[in-house]
Amino acid sequence: MMVRKSNKAAGVVDRIISQGPVTAAIAERVKDEFPEVSQSLVSWIRDAANECDWSRVGRFSNLAAALRVVGLSEVLSELLDRGESGLNEEDLVDILGEVKAVESAGVIFRTLRRRLDSDSPAYWLSQKAIFALSELETDEANKFLEEMTKDGWPGVIRWHAAVALRIEVELGFDEDAMLG
């Protein structure tokens, strides 16, 4: 009986958050109407992932981020490590930075390495990963950013990683040459 109630609540919550971006006001409304939502979102994300319902994973993840749900970084890290086709990895990486999930630095970097070739030429995931790592403000995250400034990485990534670390001048990087 509890599973059925939880599934029904997940459907209702999903309809509410499907109407647009998950703002703080919408997150509070959902939390007020469905007090169990904070304890349920991680399992709802897992259920949606098991069904390969990537849009729902994204919506529930955004709601969980707005509510600062415990366990969110673990489930998002698991999903990123799986490398599922169709999963919006850019958004999940962005969320991990937003919630300052310091334990996720390694998974963010691994995801970027795995997707680097397919991320070209726009480098959307790379940009989100650089921003997320810079938001974490840890030695580990900075180590990954430093790695991205080295030869072998595309110029645009090297530039943005150096800017995130505030060492572009120290490294002698020329913005026009790196981004050109």
Protein backbone atom coordinates (compact mmCIF):
# COMPACT_ATOMS: atom_id res chain seq x y z
CA MET A 1 0.00 0.00 0.00
CA MET A 2 2.87 2.42 0.84
CA VAL A 3 4.49 1.87 -2.58
CA ARG A 4 1.24 2.69 -4.38
CA LYS A 5 0.82 5.89 -2.33
CA SER A 6 4.44 6.88 -3.06
CA ASN A 7 3.99 6.21 -6.79
CA LYS A 8 0.82 8.29 -6.82
CA ALA A 9 2.58 11.14 -5.00
CA ALA A 10 5.50 10.91 -7.45
CA GLY A 11 3.08 11.29 -10.36
CA VAL A 12 1.32 14.28 -8.83
CA VAL A 13 4.60 15.98 -7.90
CA ASP A 14 5.94 15.31 -11.39
CA ARG A 15 2.88 16.99 -12.95
CA ILE A 16 3.40 20.05 -10.74
CA ILE A 17 7.10 20.42 -11.58
CA SER A 18 6.57 19.66 -15.28
CA GLN A 19 4.94 23.05 -15.79
CA GLY A 20 8.22 24.97 -15.87
CA PRO A 21 11.49 25.53 -14.06
CA VAL A 22 11.62 24.39 -10.45
CA THR A 23 11.78 27.68 -8.56
CA ALA A 24 12.19 28.06 -4.81
CA ALA A 25 8.48 28.91 -4.56
CA ILE A 26 7.45 25.76 -6.44
CA ALA A 27 9.80 23.63 -4.33
CA GLU A 28 8.27 25.05 -1.13
CA ARG A 29 4.76 24.49 -2.46
CA VAL A 30 5.55 20.85 -3.23
CA LYS A 31 7.17 20.40 0.18
CA ASP A 32 4.11 21.91 1.92
CA GLU A 33 1.63 19.77 -0.04
CA PHE A 34 3.73 16.59 0.12
CA PRO A 35 5.74 16.53 3.36
CA GLU A 36 7.17 13.10 2.44
CA VAL A 37 8.78 14.47 -0.73
CA SER A 38 12.20 15.10 0.82
CA GLN A 39 12.44 11.49 1.99
CA SER A 40 11.09 10.12 -1.31
CA LEU A 41 12.91 12.02 -4.05
CA VAL A 42 16.07 9.91 -4.12
CA SER A 43 14.05 6.72 -4.58
CA TRP A 44 11.88 8.46 -7.20
CA ILE A 45 15.03 9.45 -9.10
CA ARG A 46 16.26 5.86 -8.97
CA ASP A 47 12.87 4.54 -10.11
CA ALA A 48 12.79 6.99 -13.03
CA ALA A 49 16.35 6.01 -13.98
CA ASN A 50 15.45 2.32 -13.88
CA GLU A 51 12.65 3.13 -16.34
CA CYS A 52 15.06 5.24 -18.46
CA ASP A 53 12.72 8.20 -17.96
CA TRP A 54 15.51 10.76 -18.19
CA SER A 55 13.21 13.78 -18.27
CA ARG A 56 11.68 12.72 -14.99
CA VAL A 57 15.15 12.10 -13.53
CA GLY A 58 16.01 15.68 -14.44
CA ARG A 59 12.85 17.18 -12.97
CA PHE A 60 13.12 15.24 -9.72
CA SER A 61 16.84 16.07 -9.49
CA ASN A 62 16.13 19.78 -9.88
CA LEU A 63 13.45 19.60 -7.20
CA ALA A 64 15.78 17.66 -4.90
CA ALA A 65 18.48 20.30 -5.43
CA ALA A 66 16.06 23.10 -4.56
CA LEU A 67 15.07 21.24 -1.40
CA ARG A 68 18.67 20.22 -0.58
CA VAL A 69 17.62 16.59 -0.23
CA VAL A 70 20.02 14.28 1.59
CA GLY A 71 21.36 11.56 -0.71
CA LEU A 72 21.00 13.57 -3.92
CA SER A 73 24.72 13.76 -4.67
CA GLU A 74 25.12 10.01 -4.22
CA VAL A 75 22.32 9.09 -6.62
CA LEU A 76 23.46 11.63 -9.23
CA SER A 77 27.04 10.41 -8.96
CA GLU A 78 25.87 6.82 -9.46
CA LEU A 79 23.93 7.84 -12.57
CA LEU A 80 26.85 9.79 -14.01
CA ASP A 81 29.20 6.86 -13.44
CA ARG A 82 26.81 4.58 -15.32
CA GLY A 83 27.04 6.83 -18.39
CA GLU A 84 23.52 6.08 -19.55
CA SER A 85 22.61 7.08 -23.09
CA GLY A 86 19.95 9.78 -23.03
CA LEU A 87 20.81 11.03 -19.55
CA ASN A 88 21.32 14.80 -19.44
CA GLU A 89 24.75 14.66 -17.86
CA GLU A 90 25.27 18.40 -18.26
CA ASP A 91 22.35 19.17 -15.95
CA LEU A 92 23.38 16.60 -13.36
CA VAL A 93 26.93 17.96 -13.28
CA ASP A 94 25.50 21.46 -12.92
CA ILE A 95 23.31 20.33 -10.00
CA LEU A 96 26.27 18.71 -8.24
CA GLY A 97 28.11 22.03 -8.40
CA GLU A 98 25.04 23.96 -7.31
CA VAL A 99 24.58 21.84 -4.17
CA LYS A 100 28.34 21.89 -3.56
CA ALA A 101 28.59 18.11 -3.50
CA VAL A 102 32.31 18.06 -2.66
CA GLU A 103 32.43 14.26 -2.78
CA SER A 104 31.45 14.35 -6.46
CA ALA A 105 34.61 15.95 -7.87
CA GLY A 106 35.94 12.62 -9.12
CA VAL A 107 32.73 11.59 -10.88
CA ILE A 108 32.45 15.01 -12.53
CA PHE A 109 35.98 14.67 -13.88
CA ARG A 110 35.46 11.04 -15.00
CA THR A 111 32.26 12.01 -16.79
CA LEU A 112 34.07 14.81 -18.60
CA ARG A 113 36.97 12.52 -19.64
CA ARG A 114 34.53 9.90 -20.94
CA ARG A 115 32.54 12.44 -22.96
CA LEU A 116 35.34 14.77 -24.07
CA ASP A 117 35.37 13.73 -27.74
CA SER A 118 31.60 13.84 -28.09
CA ASP A 119 31.45 17.17 -26.23
CA SER A 120 33.28 18.92 -29.06
CA PRO A 121 32.97 21.52 -30.56
CA ALA A 122 30.64 23.39 -28.16
CA TYR A 123 32.02 21.80 -24.97
CA TRP A 124 28.80 22.29 -23.01
CA LEU A 125 29.56 19.49 -20.57
CA SER A 126 33.13 20.74 -20.19
CA GLN A 127 31.93 24.21 -19.29
CA LYS A 128 29.44 22.85 -16.76
CA ALA A 129 32.11 20.55 -15.29
CA ILE A 130 34.60 23.40 -14.93
CA PHE A 131 31.99 25.58 -13.25
CA ALA A 132 30.84 22.75 -10.96
CA LEU A 133 34.39 21.90 -9.92
CA SER A 134 35.14 25.56 -9.21
CA GLU A 135 31.99 25.73 -7.04
CA LEU A 136 33.26 22.83 -4.90
CA GLU A 137 36.31 24.83 -3.76
CA THR A 138 38.27 21.77 -2.62
CA ASP A 139 41.86 20.70 -3.20
CA GLU A 140 40.64 17.67 -5.12
CA ALA A 141 38.41 19.76 -7.40
CA ASN A 142 41.23 22.25 -7.97
CA LYS A 143 43.57 19.35 -8.85
CA PHE A 144 41.16 18.30 -11.59
CA LEU A 145 40.92 21.88 -12.86
CA GLU A 146 44.72 22.13 -12.91
CA GLU A 147 44.85 18.90 -14.93
CA MET A 148 42.56 20.52 -17.51
CA THR A 149 45.03 23.41 -18.03
CA LYS A 150 47.73 21.06 -19.34
CA ASP A 151 48.70 20.31 -22.92
CA GLY A 152 46.53 17.65 -24.49
CA TRP A 153 43.28 19.33 -23.51
CA PRO A 154 41.47 21.52 -26.06
CA GLY A 155 42.39 25.20 -25.82
CA VAL A 156 38.92 26.34 -24.82
CA ILE A 157 38.89 23.92 -21.87
CA ARG A 158 42.42 24.88 -20.86
CA TRP A 159 41.41 28.55 -20.91
CA HIS A 160 38.21 28.16 -18.89
CA ALA A 161 39.89 25.89 -16.32
CA ALA A 162 42.70 28.43 -15.90
CA VAL A 163 40.17 31.25 -15.50
CA ALA A 164 38.30 29.22 -12.88
CA LEU A 165 41.57 28.84 -10.98
CA ARG A 166 42.51 32.49 -11.68
CA ILE A 167 45.88 31.43 -13.12
CA GLU A 168 45.46 32.25 -16.81
CA VAL A 169 47.95 35.14 -16.63
CA GLU A 170 50.41 33.09 -14.58
CA LEU A 171 50.29 30.37 -17.25
CA GLY A 172 50.77 32.93 -20.01
CA PHE A 173 47.55 31.97 -21.73
CA ASP A 174 46.28 34.28 -24.47
CA GLU A 175 42.49 34.36 -24.52
CA ASP A 176 42.19 35.00 -28.26
CA ALA A 177 44.59 32.18 -29.12
CA MET A 178 42.96 29.72 -26.69
CA LEU A 179 39.38 30.46 -27.71
CA GLY A 180 40.04 31.15 -31.40
